[in-house]
Amino acid sequence: MSESSINRWSRAGSPDRNEVASRAYKHPNPRMLFEVAAGLSAPRKELPPKYFYDHRGSELFEEITRLPEYYQTRTERAILEAWMPELIPELGTRALVELGAGSAEKSRIIITAMRAAGTADLYVPIDVSASFLDQTAAQLRRDYPGLTIEPAVADIAEGFERPRGLPHPAMYAFLGGTIGNFYPPAAIRLLSRVRAAMTSEDRLLLGVDLRKDAGRIERAYNDSQGVTAAFNRNMLLVVNHELGANFDAAAFEHRAFYEPINHRIEMHLVSTFEHEVRIPGIGLVPFAAGESILTEISCKHDRDSVAELFESAGLHIQIWRPDPQGLFALVVGAVA
């Protein structure tokens, strides 16, 4: 692309989607270029949260899950530890397919319950980060000899294939409250894809962060050690690495707050001064002082909101299992 066309784009405003698609088509990472171009040319700039997760981003998220403010992981883990030894034999689960597997730390609780029940045939971790997924699979093979592990690299927001030869009953697990990172229409599309892969024997195990005191929620996304801030800024480093951009991560402040109308956390990167960022294939992206990039939402749910999502996706709630404090819930969904 010539310098004149770069300047014409940045000065004239956002290009149309056909122009963005044409430029992205010739790029080594066309989907990312298209999504970054579309997000940063929108009236309110935003980037997809999947771009948090290079290897470093995955490590930072694992560190977040161990922070004292971040109640979600330890609460969900406590429910899993108390419930899986009872639930897995009841369901007869032979295969575990996990969406957004990460380090699979909580999956180990399910796998251990499957082995105790004598039904641990297959584990399929699905994640967007290939290097992190390979590392996870290698460790699990050492820890669970005899368990077949078939990792799959996929962006679950875009789709995934049903594993071939999947034994049934299978459990599709989507843990960590990650369903909250999707706007409701996108959450329904994701759940509909899971529903399409399920047989009547299979079940969905969904983790949901519950609606509660806003202060408690905000502290989980503004930890005192600054790990979440580093995780947030890491997205800019991912864009730099993958697209050759020149974001200065230090020029952006982490900001996270609870938006009560839509019952969600919004996480932003806020420009601390007026400047421009150059992204090859896109051009110069201007930032005003105080202008932000929305990097993540995290919707909080209750039983009624989950029931609405399930109904729209062709599922129904079979079991609702919250923790005693009402912080977090695990939900078993079945084909409607």
C-alpha atoms as a PDB file:
ATOM      1  CA  MET A   1       0.000   0.000   0.000  1.00  0.00           C
ATOM      2  CA  SER A   2       1.315   3.468  -0.877  1.00  0.00           C
ATOM      3  CA  GLU A   3       1.860   6.225   1.697  1.00  0.00           C
ATOM      4  CA  SER A   4      -0.750   8.371  -0.049  1.00  0.00           C
ATOM      5  CA  SER A   5      -3.425   5.718   0.325  1.00  0.00           C
ATOM      6  CA  ILE A   6      -2.559   5.304   4.029  1.00  0.00           C
ATOM      7  CA  ASN A   7      -2.959   9.014   4.637  1.00  0.00           C
ATOM      8  CA  ARG A   8      -6.150   9.214   2.588  1.00  0.00           C
ATOM      9  CA  TRP A   9      -7.676   6.454   4.736  1.00  0.00           C
ATOM     10  CA  SER A  10      -6.758   7.966   8.074  1.00  0.00           C
ATOM     11  CA  ARG A  11      -7.838  11.479   7.112  1.00  0.00           C
ATOM     12  CA  ALA A  12     -11.006  10.612   5.264  1.00  0.00           C
ATOM     13  CA  GLY A  13     -12.394   8.308   7.941  1.00  0.00           C
ATOM     14  CA  SER A  14     -13.231   4.630   8.012  1.00  0.00           C
ATOM     15  CA  PRO A  15     -13.009   2.603   4.806  1.00  0.00           C
ATOM     16  CA  ASP A  16     -15.990   0.531   3.765  1.00  0.00           C
ATOM     17  CA  ARG A  17     -16.036  -3.173   4.604  1.00  0.00           C
ATOM     18  CA  ASN A  18     -15.292  -4.189   0.994  1.00  0.00           C
ATOM     19  CA  GLU A  19     -12.100  -2.140   1.000  1.00  0.00           C
ATOM     20  CA  VAL A  20     -11.046  -3.632   4.340  1.00  0.00           C
ATOM     21  CA  ALA A  21     -11.787  -7.154   3.070  1.00  0.00           C
ATOM     22  CA  SER A  22      -9.823  -6.546  -0.150  1.00  0.00           C
ATOM     23  CA  ARG A  23      -6.731  -5.448   1.765  1.00  0.00           C
ATOM     24  CA  ALA A  24      -7.038  -8.257   4.296  1.00  0.00           C
ATOM     25  CA  TYR A  25      -7.332 -10.907   1.570  1.00  0.00           C
ATOM     26  CA  LYS A  26      -3.690 -10.419   0.534  1.00  0.00           C
ATOM     27  CA  HIS A  27      -2.325 -10.407   4.097  1.00  0.00           C
ATOM     28  CA  PRO A  28      -0.616 -13.432   5.780  1.00  0.00           C
ATOM     29  CA  ASN A  29      -3.122 -13.133   8.660  1.00  0.00           C
ATOM     30  CA  PRO A  30      -6.217 -11.921   6.788  1.00  0.00           C
ATOM     31  CA  ARG A  31      -8.812 -12.573   9.479  1.00  0.00           C
ATOM     32  CA  MET A  32      -6.886 -10.721  12.152  1.00  0.00           C
ATOM     33  CA  LEU A  33      -6.134  -7.800   9.827  1.00  0.00           C
ATOM     34  CA  PHE A  34      -9.810  -7.564   8.871  1.00  0.00           C
ATOM     35  CA  GLU A  35     -11.029  -7.727  12.478  1.00  0.00           C
ATOM     36  CA  VAL A  36      -8.472  -5.217  13.756  1.00  0.00           C
ATOM     37  CA  ALA A  37      -9.188  -2.840  10.856  1.00  0.00           C
ATOM     38  CA  ALA A  38     -12.939  -3.079  11.361  1.00  0.00           C
ATOM     39  CA  GLY A  39     -12.669  -2.690  15.133  1.00  0.00           C
ATOM     40  CA  LEU A  40     -10.332   0.293  15.105  1.00  0.00           C
ATOM     41  CA  SER A  41     -12.303   2.108  12.387  1.00  0.00           C
ATOM     42  CA  ALA A  42     -15.601   1.753  14.276  1.00  0.00           C
ATOM     43  CA  PRO A  43     -17.149   4.815  15.975  1.00  0.00           C
ATOM     44  CA  ARG A  44     -16.209   3.202  19.297  1.00  0.00           C
ATOM     45  CA  LYS A  45     -12.911   1.410  18.842  1.00  0.00           C
ATOM     46  CA  GLU A  46     -12.795  -2.219  19.976  1.00  0.00           C
ATOM     47  CA  LEU A  47     -10.698  -5.347  19.539  1.00  0.00           C
ATOM     48  CA  PRO A  48     -11.792  -8.982  19.916  1.00  0.00           C
ATOM     49  CA  PRO A  49     -10.782 -10.460  23.295  1.00  0.00           C
ATOM     50  CA  LYS A  50      -9.373 -13.577  21.629  1.00  0.00           C
ATOM     51  CA  TYR A  51      -6.287 -11.474  20.862  1.00  0.00           C
ATOM     52  CA  PHE A  52      -5.334 -11.483  24.541  1.00  0.00           C
ATOM     53  CA  TYR A  53      -4.207 -15.053  24.113  1.00  0.00           C
ATOM     54  CA  ASP A  54      -0.770 -15.530  22.752  1.00  0.00           C
ATOM     55  CA  HIS A  55       1.460 -17.664  24.991  1.00  0.00           C
ATOM     56  CA  ARG A  56       2.221 -14.725  27.306  1.00  0.00           C
ATOM     57  CA  GLY A  57      -1.429 -13.739  27.467  1.00  0.00           C
ATOM     58  CA  SER A  58      -2.405 -17.273  28.447  1.00  0.00           C
ATOM     59  CA  GLU A  59       0.232 -17.223  31.196  1.00  0.00           C
ATOM     60  CA  LEU A  60      -1.017 -13.884  32.492  1.00  0.00           C
ATOM     61  CA  PHE A  61      -4.588 -15.143  32.580  1.00  0.00           C
ATOM     62  CA  GLU A  62      -3.522 -18.171  34.589  1.00  0.00           C
ATOM     63  CA  GLU A  63      -1.857 -15.743  37.023  1.00  0.00           C
ATOM     64  CA  ILE A  64      -5.093 -13.732  37.217  1.00  0.00           C
ATOM     65  CA  THR A  65      -7.025 -16.835  38.248  1.00  0.00           C
ATOM     66  CA  ARG A  66      -4.814 -17.133  41.349  1.00  0.00           C
ATOM     67  CA  LEU A  67      -5.275 -13.527  42.513  1.00  0.00           C
ATOM     68  CA  PRO A  68      -7.143 -12.937  45.803  1.00  0.00           C
ATOM     69  CA  GLU A  69      -9.622 -10.564  44.125  1.00  0.00           C
ATOM     70  CA  TYR A  70     -10.506 -13.017  41.387  1.00  0.00           C
ATOM     71  CA  TYR A  71     -13.149 -15.176  43.088  1.00  0.00           C
ATOM     72  CA  GLN A  72     -14.419 -16.867  39.912  1.00  0.00           C
ATOM     73  CA  THR A  73     -11.793 -19.582  39.509  1.00  0.00           C
ATOM     74  CA  ARG A  74     -11.577 -20.777  43.105  1.00  0.00           C
ATOM     75  CA  THR A  75     -15.369 -20.687  43.490  1.00  0.00           C
ATOM     76  CA  GLU A  76     -15.975 -22.681  40.323  1.00  0.00           C
ATOM     77  CA  ARG A  77     -13.244 -25.114  41.325  1.00  0.00           C
ATOM     78  CA  ALA A  78     -14.896 -25.704  44.698  1.00  0.00           C
ATOM     79  CA  ILE A  79     -18.196 -26.546  43.005  1.00  0.00           C
ATOM     80  CA  LEU A  80     -16.439 -28.929  40.606  1.00  0.00           C
ATOM     81  CA  GLU A  81     -14.569 -30.708  43.405  1.00  0.00           C
ATOM     82  CA  ALA A  82     -17.714 -31.181  45.449  1.00  0.00           C
ATOM     83  CA  TRP A  83     -19.991 -32.181  42.566  1.00  0.00           C
ATOM     84  CA  MET A  84     -18.082 -34.038  39.837  1.00  0.00           C
ATOM     85  CA  PRO A  85     -17.574 -37.314  41.783  1.00  0.00           C
ATOM     86  CA  GLU A  86     -21.372 -37.503  41.995  1.00  0.00           C
ATOM     87  CA  LEU A  87     -22.365 -36.040  38.611  1.00  0.00           C
ATOM     88  CA  ILE A  88     -19.990 -37.939  36.298  1.00  0.00           C
ATOM     89  CA  PRO A  89     -21.153 -41.456  37.328  1.00  0.00           C
ATOM     90  CA  GLU A  90     -24.754 -40.246  37.101  1.00  0.00           C
ATOM     91  CA  LEU A  91     -24.227 -39.052  33.518  1.00  0.00           C
ATOM     92  CA  GLY A  92     -21.860 -41.855  32.489  1.00  0.00           C
ATOM     93  CA  THR A  93     -19.595 -39.334  30.732  1.00  0.00           C
ATOM     94  CA  ARG A  94     -17.041 -41.041  28.439  1.00  0.00           C
ATOM     95  CA  ALA A  95     -15.625 -38.020  26.621  1.00  0.00           C
ATOM     96  CA  LEU A  96     -14.880 -34.453  27.681  1.00  0.00           C
ATOM     97  CA  VAL A  97     -14.759 -31.729  25.016  1.00  0.00           C
ATOM     98  CA  GLU A  98     -13.611 -28.458  26.526  1.00  0.00           C
ATOM     99  CA  LEU A  99     -14.064 -25.123  24.790  1.00  0.00           C
ATOM    100  CA  GLY A 100     -11.329 -22.606  25.631  1.00  0.00           C
ATOM    101  CA  ALA A 101      -9.336 -25.179  27.575  1.00  0.00           C
ATOM    102  CA  GLY A 102      -6.334 -23.040  28.564  1.00  0.00           C
ATOM    103  CA  SER A 103      -4.206 -24.946  31.078  1.00  0.00           C
ATOM    104  CA  ALA A 104      -7.049 -27.432  31.715  1.00  0.00           C
ATOM    105  CA  GLU A 105      -6.548 -27.147  35.474  1.00  0.00           C
ATOM    106  CA  LYS A 106     -10.264 -27.423  36.247  1.00  0.00           C
ATOM    107  CA  SER A 107     -10.717 -30.072  33.567  1.00  0.00           C
ATOM    108  CA  ARG A 108      -8.479 -32.316  35.654  1.00  0.00           C
ATOM    109  CA  ILE A 109     -11.217 -32.488  38.262  1.00  0.00           C
ATOM    110  CA  ILE A 110     -13.666 -33.786  35.648  1.00  0.00           C
ATOM    111  CA  ILE A 111     -11.123 -36.179  34.134  1.00  0.00           C
ATOM    112  CA  THR A 112     -10.245 -37.550  37.573  1.00  0.00           C
ATOM    113  CA  ALA A 113     -13.946 -38.178  38.258  1.00  0.00           C
ATOM    114  CA  MET A 114     -14.263 -39.902  34.864  1.00  0.00           C
ATOM    115  CA  ARG A 115     -11.299 -42.155  35.650  1.00  0.00           C
ATOM    116  CA  ALA A 116     -12.727 -43.010  39.070  1.00  0.00           C
ATOM    117  CA  ALA A 117     -15.983 -43.981  37.350  1.00  0.00           C
ATOM    118  CA  GLY A 118     -14.089 -46.043  34.747  1.00  0.00           C
ATOM    119  CA  THR A 119     -15.407 -43.959  31.830  1.00  0.00           C
ATOM    120  CA  ALA A 120     -12.411 -41.759  30.878  1.00  0.00           C
ATOM    121  CA  ASP A 121     -12.065 -42.542  27.164  1.00  0.00           C
ATOM    122  CA  LEU A 122     -11.237 -39.225  25.517  1.00  0.00           C
ATOM    123  CA  TYR A 123     -10.377 -35.595  26.288  1.00  0.00           C
ATOM    124  CA  VAL A 124     -10.557 -32.959  23.530  1.00  0.00           C
ATOM    125  CA  PRO A 125      -9.184 -29.565  24.625  1.00  0.00           C
ATOM    126  CA  ILE A 126     -10.035 -26.758  22.189  1.00  0.00           C
ATOM    127  CA  ASP A 127      -8.166 -23.461  22.362  1.00  0.00           C
ATOM    128  CA  VAL A 128      -7.028 -20.606  20.132  1.00  0.00           C
ATOM    129  CA  SER A 129      -3.404 -20.642  21.376  1.00  0.00           C
ATOM    130  CA  ALA A 130      -1.617 -23.552  19.683  1.00  0.00           C
ATOM    131  CA  SER A 131       1.599 -23.350  21.731  1.00  0.00           C
ATOM    132  CA  PHE A 132      -0.233 -23.207  25.047  1.00  0.00           C
ATOM    133  CA  LEU A 133      -2.545 -26.027  23.963  1.00  0.00           C
ATOM    134  CA  ASP A 134       0.388 -28.265  22.971  1.00  0.00           C
ATOM    135  CA  GLN A 135       2.018 -27.634  26.334  1.00  0.00           C
ATOM    136  CA  THR A 136      -1.215 -28.476  28.151  1.00  0.00           C
ATOM    137  CA  ALA A 137      -1.779 -31.678  26.154  1.00  0.00           C
ATOM    138  CA  ALA A 138       1.794 -32.874  26.732  1.00  0.00           C
ATOM    139  CA  GLN A 139       1.486 -32.451  30.487  1.00  0.00           C
ATOM    140  CA  LEU A 140      -1.899 -34.202  30.602  1.00  0.00           C
ATOM    141  CA  ARG A 141      -0.523 -37.178  28.678  1.00  0.00           C
ATOM    142  CA  ARG A 142       2.173 -37.543  31.334  1.00  0.00           C
ATOM    143  CA  ASP A 143      -0.318 -37.207  34.178  1.00  0.00           C
ATOM    144  CA  TYR A 144      -3.086 -39.403  32.720  1.00  0.00           C
ATOM    145  CA  PRO A 145      -1.460 -42.337  30.920  1.00  0.00           C
ATOM    146  CA  GLY A 146      -3.973 -44.320  28.912  1.00  0.00           C
ATOM    147  CA  LEU A 147      -6.305 -41.352  28.373  1.00  0.00           C
ATOM    148  CA  THR A 148      -6.647 -40.413  24.708  1.00  0.00           C
ATOM    149  CA  ILE A 149      -6.058 -36.673  24.302  1.00  0.00           C
ATOM    150  CA  GLU A 150      -6.799 -35.002  20.976  1.00  0.00           C
ATOM    151  CA  PRO A 151      -6.176 -31.222  21.146  1.00  0.00           C
ATOM    152  CA  ALA A 152      -7.843 -29.006  18.553  1.00  0.00           C
ATOM    153  CA  VAL A 153      -6.791 -25.454  17.675  1.00  0.00           C
ATOM    154  CA  ALA A 154      -9.881 -23.383  16.928  1.00  0.00           C
ATOM    155  CA  ASP A 155     -11.452 -20.019  17.566  1.00  0.00           C
ATOM    156  CA  ILE A 156     -14.659 -21.084  19.278  1.00  0.00           C
ATOM    157  CA  ALA A 157     -16.239 -17.733  18.463  1.00  0.00           C
ATOM    158  CA  GLU A 158     -15.994 -18.640  14.784  1.00  0.00           C
ATOM    159  CA  GLY A 159     -16.873 -22.333  15.017  1.00  0.00           C
ATOM    160  CA  PHE A 160     -15.442 -25.736  15.777  1.00  0.00           C
ATOM    161  CA  GLU A 161     -15.883 -29.222  14.392  1.00  0.00           C
ATOM    162  CA  ARG A 162     -17.398 -32.085  16.311  1.00  0.00           C
ATOM    163  CA  PRO A 163     -14.542 -34.510  17.066  1.00  0.00           C
ATOM    164  CA  ARG A 164     -14.609 -37.631  14.931  1.00  0.00           C
ATOM    165  CA  GLY A 165     -15.341 -40.915  16.656  1.00  0.00           C
ATOM    166  CA  LEU A 166     -16.512 -39.133  19.793  1.00  0.00           C
ATOM    167  CA  PRO A 167     -17.800 -41.672  22.340  1.00  0.00           C
ATOM    168  CA  HIS A 168     -21.094 -40.936  24.035  1.00  0.00           C
ATOM    169  CA  PRO A 169     -22.283 -39.749  26.444  1.00  0.00           C
ATOM    170  CA  ALA A 170     -19.988 -36.765  25.964  1.00  0.00           C
ATOM    171  CA  MET A 171     -19.735 -33.622  28.044  1.00  0.00           C
ATOM    172  CA  TYR A 172     -19.089 -30.276  26.361  1.00  0.00           C
ATOM    173  CA  ALA A 173     -17.560 -28.013  29.002  1.00  0.00           C
ATOM    174  CA  PHE A 174     -17.363 -24.238  28.755  1.00  0.00           C
ATOM    175  CA  LEU A 175     -16.004 -23.148  32.109  1.00  0.00           C
ATOM    176  CA  GLY A 176     -14.705 -20.027  33.806  1.00  0.00           C
ATOM    177  CA  GLY A 177     -17.705 -17.820  33.080  1.00  0.00           C
ATOM    178  CA  THR A 178     -16.273 -17.278  29.582  1.00  0.00           C
ATOM    179  CA  ILE A 179     -19.779 -17.262  28.087  1.00  0.00           C
ATOM    180  CA  GLY A 180     -19.978 -13.780  29.611  1.00  0.00           C
ATOM    181  CA  ASN A 181     -17.402 -12.512  27.098  1.00  0.00           C
ATOM    182  CA  PHE A 182     -20.006 -12.847  24.347  1.00  0.00           C
ATOM    183  CA  TYR A 183     -22.806 -10.408  23.592  1.00  0.00           C
ATOM    184  CA  PRO A 184     -26.111 -12.311  23.881  1.00  0.00           C
ATOM    185  CA  PRO A 185     -26.566 -12.900  20.108  1.00  0.00           C
ATOM    186  CA  ALA A 186     -23.011 -14.260  19.852  1.00  0.00           C
ATOM    187  CA  ALA A 187     -23.518 -16.375  22.994  1.00  0.00           C
ATOM    188  CA  ILE A 188     -26.624 -17.891  21.411  1.00  0.00           C
ATOM    189  CA  ARG A 189     -24.716 -18.658  18.202  1.00  0.00           C
ATOM    190  CA  LEU A 190     -21.968 -20.387  20.180  1.00  0.00           C
ATOM    191  CA  LEU A 191     -24.426 -22.395  22.268  1.00  0.00           C
ATOM    192  CA  SER A 192     -26.325 -23.305  19.087  1.00  0.00           C
ATOM    193  CA  ARG A 193     -23.116 -24.741  17.599  1.00  0.00           C
ATOM    194  CA  VAL A 194     -22.607 -26.802  20.736  1.00  0.00           C
ATOM    195  CA  ARG A 195     -26.236 -27.942  20.550  1.00  0.00           C
ATOM    196  CA  ALA A 196     -25.745 -28.974  16.909  1.00  0.00           C
ATOM    197  CA  ALA A 197     -22.799 -31.167  17.927  1.00  0.00           C
ATOM    198  CA  MET A 198     -24.660 -32.821  20.825  1.00  0.00           C
ATOM    199  CA  THR A 199     -26.692 -36.007  20.797  1.00  0.00           C
ATOM    200  CA  SER A 200     -29.577 -36.534  23.212  1.00  0.00           C
ATOM    201  CA  GLU A 201     -27.136 -38.401  25.496  1.00  0.00           C
ATOM    202  CA  ASP A 202     -24.629 -35.547  25.683  1.00  0.00           C
ATOM    203  CA  ARG A 203     -24.592 -32.669  28.131  1.00  0.00           C
ATOM    204  CA  LEU A 204     -23.210 -29.145  28.282  1.00  0.00           C
ATOM    205  CA  LEU A 205     -21.468 -28.046  31.482  1.00  0.00           C
ATOM    206  CA  LEU A 206     -21.460 -24.249  31.594  1.00  0.00           C
ATOM    207  CA  GLY A 207     -19.821 -21.980  34.160  1.00  0.00           C
ATOM    208  CA  VAL A 208     -21.545 -18.636  34.752  1.00  0.00           C
ATOM    209  CA  ASP A 209     -20.489 -15.673  36.865  1.00  0.00           C
ATOM    210  CA  LEU A 210     -23.554 -14.495  38.766  1.00  0.00           C
ATOM    211  CA  ARG A 211     -24.961 -11.010  39.298  1.00  0.00           C
ATOM    212  CA  LYS A 212     -23.920  -9.584  42.654  1.00  0.00           C
ATOM    213  CA  ASP A 213     -22.517  -6.489  44.362  1.00  0.00           C
ATOM    214  CA  ALA A 214     -20.865  -4.333  41.691  1.00  0.00           C
ATOM    215  CA  GLY A 215     -17.907  -3.509  43.927  1.00  0.00           C
ATOM    216  CA  ARG A 216     -17.061  -7.184  44.332  1.00  0.00           C
ATOM    217  CA  ILE A 217     -17.148  -7.651  40.564  1.00  0.00           C
ATOM    218  CA  GLU A 218     -15.057  -4.542  39.792  1.00  0.00           C
ATOM    219  CA  ARG A 219     -12.312  -5.538  42.226  1.00  0.00           C
ATOM    220  CA  ALA A 220     -11.897  -8.814  40.318  1.00  0.00           C
ATOM    221  CA  TYR A 221     -10.973  -6.828  37.181  1.00  0.00           C
ATOM    222  CA  ASN A 222      -8.833  -4.172  38.884  1.00  0.00           C
ATOM    223  CA  ASP A 223      -6.461  -6.254  40.989  1.00  0.00           C
ATOM    224  CA  SER A 224      -3.990  -4.535  43.289  1.00  0.00           C
ATOM    225  CA  GLN A 225      -0.965  -6.242  41.673  1.00  0.00           C
ATOM    226  CA  GLY A 226      -1.759  -4.927  38.184  1.00  0.00           C
ATOM    227  CA  VAL A 227      -1.824  -8.355  36.553  1.00  0.00           C
ATOM    228  CA  THR A 228      -5.141  -7.684  34.808  1.00  0.00           C
ATOM    229  CA  ALA A 229      -3.757  -4.383  33.522  1.00  0.00           C
ATOM    230  CA  ALA A 230      -0.752  -6.228  32.061  1.00  0.00           C
ATOM    231  CA  PHE A 231      -3.069  -8.842  30.544  1.00  0.00           C
ATOM    232  CA  ASN A 232      -5.156  -6.086  28.961  1.00  0.00           C
ATOM    233  CA  ARG A 233      -2.138  -4.271  27.490  1.00  0.00           C
ATOM    234  CA  ASN A 234      -0.730  -7.554  26.184  1.00  0.00           C
ATOM    235  CA  MET A 235      -3.367  -7.427  23.442  1.00  0.00           C
ATOM    236  CA  LEU A 236      -1.523  -4.483  21.903  1.00  0.00           C
ATOM    237  CA  LEU A 237       1.724  -6.466  21.945  1.00  0.00           C
ATOM    238  CA  VAL A 238      -0.064  -9.315  20.171  1.00  0.00           C
ATOM    239  CA  VAL A 239      -1.227  -6.895  17.452  1.00  0.00           C
ATOM    240  CA  ASN A 240       2.334  -5.551  17.181  1.00  0.00           C
ATOM    241  CA  HIS A 241       3.771  -9.037  16.803  1.00  0.00           C
ATOM    242  CA  GLU A 242       1.166 -10.406  14.403  1.00  0.00           C
ATOM    243  CA  LEU A 243       0.545  -7.334  12.244  1.00  0.00           C
ATOM    244  CA  GLY A 244       3.764  -5.332  12.618  1.00  0.00           C
ATOM    245  CA  ALA A 245       1.988  -2.450  14.375  1.00  0.00           C
ATOM    246  CA  ASN A 246       3.800   0.060  16.590  1.00  0.00           C
ATOM    247  CA  PHE A 247       1.471   0.327  19.577  1.00  0.00           C
ATOM    248  CA  ASP A 248       3.189   1.661  22.704  1.00  0.00           C
ATOM    249  CA  ALA A 249       1.398  -0.341  25.398  1.00  0.00           C
ATOM    250  CA  ALA A 250       2.610   2.118  28.059  1.00  0.00           C
ATOM    251  CA  ALA A 251       0.593   4.854  26.318  1.00  0.00           C
ATOM    252  CA  PHE A 252      -2.663   3.157  27.363  1.00  0.00           C
ATOM    253  CA  GLU A 253      -4.215   2.822  30.812  1.00  0.00           C
ATOM    254  CA  HIS A 254      -6.245  -0.175  31.920  1.00  0.00           C
ATOM    255  CA  ARG A 255      -9.828   0.668  32.926  1.00  0.00           C
ATOM    256  CA  ALA A 256     -12.562  -1.780  33.967  1.00  0.00           C
ATOM    257  CA  PHE A 257     -15.995  -0.904  35.331  1.00  0.00           C
ATOM    258  CA  TYR A 258     -19.408  -2.473  35.863  1.00  0.00           C
ATOM    259  CA  GLU A 259     -22.183  -1.363  33.517  1.00  0.00           C
ATOM    260  CA  PRO A 260     -25.417  -2.089  35.430  1.00  0.00           C
ATOM    261  CA  ILE A 261     -27.979  -1.744  32.625  1.00  0.00           C
ATOM    262  CA  ASN A 262     -26.548  -4.675  30.681  1.00  0.00           C
ATOM    263  CA  HIS A 263     -25.143  -6.409  33.787  1.00  0.00           C
ATOM    264  CA  ARG A 264     -21.583  -6.523  32.497  1.00  0.00           C
ATOM    265  CA  ILE A 265     -17.999  -5.513  33.110  1.00  0.00           C
ATOM    266  CA  GLU A 266     -16.420  -3.469  30.336  1.00  0.00           C
ATOM    267  CA  MET A 267     -12.638  -3.543  30.027  1.00  0.00           C
ATOM    268  CA  HIS A 268     -10.926  -0.754  28.108  1.00  0.00           C
ATOM    269  CA  LEU A 269      -7.486   0.502  27.137  1.00  0.00           C
ATOM    270  CA  VAL A 270      -7.526   4.296  27.378  1.00  0.00           C
ATOM    271  CA  SER A 271      -5.087   6.467  25.423  1.00  0.00           C
ATOM    272  CA  THR A 272      -3.253   8.806  27.805  1.00  0.00           C
ATOM    273  CA  PHE A 273      -2.388  11.371  25.113  1.00  0.00           C
ATOM    274  CA  GLU A 274      -3.162  12.210  21.485  1.00  0.00           C
ATOM    275  CA  HIS A 275      -1.113  10.094  19.100  1.00  0.00           C
ATOM    276  CA  GLU A 276      -1.222   7.833  16.035  1.00  0.00           C
ATOM    277  CA  VAL A 277      -0.452   4.160  15.615  1.00  0.00           C
ATOM    278  CA  ARG A 278       0.784   2.711  12.335  1.00  0.00           C
ATOM    279  CA  ILE A 279      -0.483  -0.738  11.347  1.00  0.00           C
ATOM    280  CA  PRO A 280       0.832  -2.117   8.016  1.00  0.00           C
ATOM    281  CA  GLY A 281      -2.083  -2.966   5.760  1.00  0.00           C
ATOM    282  CA  ILE A 282      -4.364  -0.598   7.681  1.00  0.00           C
ATOM    283  CA  GLY A 283      -2.540   2.723   7.935  1.00  0.00           C
ATOM    284  CA  LEU A 284      -2.409   5.409  10.607  1.00  0.00           C
ATOM    285  CA  VAL A 285      -4.946   4.994  13.398  1.00  0.00           C
ATOM    286  CA  PRO A 286      -5.484   8.216  15.372  1.00  0.00           C
ATOM    287  CA  PHE A 287      -6.162   8.241  19.119  1.00  0.00           C
ATOM    288  CA  ALA A 288      -7.384  11.267  21.035  1.00  0.00           C
ATOM    289  CA  ALA A 289      -6.375  11.737  24.639  1.00  0.00           C
ATOM    290  CA  GLY A 290      -8.907   9.794  26.720  1.00  0.00           C
ATOM    291  CA  GLU A 291     -10.136   7.729  23.763  1.00  0.00           C
ATOM    292  CA  SER A 292     -10.478   4.047  24.545  1.00  0.00           C
ATOM    293  CA  ILE A 293     -10.433   0.637  22.921  1.00  0.00           C
ATOM    294  CA  LEU A 294     -13.038  -1.762  24.281  1.00  0.00           C
ATOM    295  CA  THR A 295     -11.153  -5.030  24.718  1.00  0.00           C
ATOM    296  CA  GLU A 296     -13.604  -7.218  26.608  1.00  0.00           C
ATOM    297  CA  ILE A 297     -17.065  -7.456  28.057  1.00  0.00           C
ATOM    298  CA  SER A 298     -17.973  -9.904  30.814  1.00  0.00           C
ATOM    299  CA  CYS A 299     -21.721 -10.330  31.178  1.00  0.00           C
ATOM    300  CA  LYS A 300     -23.040 -11.504  34.542  1.00  0.00           C
ATOM    301  CA  HIS A 301     -25.998 -13.844  34.627  1.00  0.00           C
ATOM    302  CA  ASP A 302     -28.805 -15.256  36.725  1.00  0.00           C
ATOM    303  CA  ARG A 303     -30.892 -18.356  36.163  1.00  0.00           C
ATOM    304  CA  ASP A 304     -33.478 -16.532  34.043  1.00  0.00           C
ATOM    305  CA  SER A 305     -30.888 -15.027  31.683  1.00  0.00           C
ATOM    306  CA  VAL A 306     -29.181 -18.410  31.220  1.00  0.00           C
ATOM    307  CA  ALA A 307     -32.555 -20.054  30.575  1.00  0.00           C
ATOM    308  CA  GLU A 308     -33.236 -17.481  27.846  1.00  0.00           C
ATOM    309  CA  LEU A 309     -29.888 -18.162  26.161  1.00  0.00           C
ATOM    310  CA  PHE A 310     -30.453 -21.908  26.360  1.00  0.00           C
ATOM    311  CA  GLU A 311     -33.971 -21.718  24.986  1.00  0.00           C
ATOM    312  CA  SER A 312     -32.790 -19.674  22.004  1.00  0.00           C
ATOM    313  CA  ALA A 313     -30.054 -22.257  21.332  1.00  0.00           C
ATOM    314  CA  GLY A 314     -32.286 -25.343  21.581  1.00  0.00           C
ATOM    315  CA  LEU A 315     -31.188 -26.343  25.088  1.00  0.00           C
ATOM    316  CA  HIS A 316     -32.769 -26.436  28.512  1.00  0.00           C
ATOM    317  CA  ILE A 317     -31.407 -26.261  32.050  1.00  0.00           C
ATOM    318  CA  GLN A 318     -31.271 -29.730  33.571  1.00  0.00           C
ATOM    319  CA  ILE A 319     -29.365 -28.805  36.749  1.00  0.00           C
ATOM    320  CA  TRP A 320     -28.521 -25.406  38.272  1.00  0.00           C
ATOM    321  CA  ARG A 321     -25.713 -25.596  40.858  1.00  0.00           C
ATOM    322  CA  PRO A 322     -24.630 -22.278  42.478  1.00  0.00           C
ATOM    323  CA  ASP A 323     -22.090 -21.951  45.276  1.00  0.00           C
ATOM    324  CA  PRO A 324     -23.505 -21.172  48.775  1.00  0.00           C
ATOM    325  CA  GLN A 325     -22.599 -17.462  48.492  1.00  0.00           C
ATOM    326  CA  GLY A 326     -24.284 -17.038  45.112  1.00  0.00           C
ATOM    327  CA  LEU A 327     -21.091 -15.890  43.423  1.00  0.00           C
ATOM    328  CA  PHE A 328     -20.887 -18.443  40.637  1.00  0.00           C
ATOM    329  CA  ALA A 329     -22.914 -21.326  39.202  1.00  0.00           C
ATOM    330  CA  LEU A 330     -22.369 -24.460  37.162  1.00  0.00           C
ATOM    331  CA  VAL A 331     -25.201 -25.359  34.811  1.00  0.00           C
ATOM    332  CA  VAL A 332     -25.905 -28.676  33.112  1.00  0.00           C
ATOM    333  CA  GLY A 333     -27.707 -28.165  29.819  1.00  0.00           C
ATOM    334  CA  ALA A 334     -29.452 -30.850  27.780  1.00  0.00           C
ATOM    335  CA  VAL A 335     -30.954 -30.934  24.295  1.00  0.00           C
ATOM    336  CA  ALA A 336     -34.430 -29.431  24.397  1.00  0.00           C
END
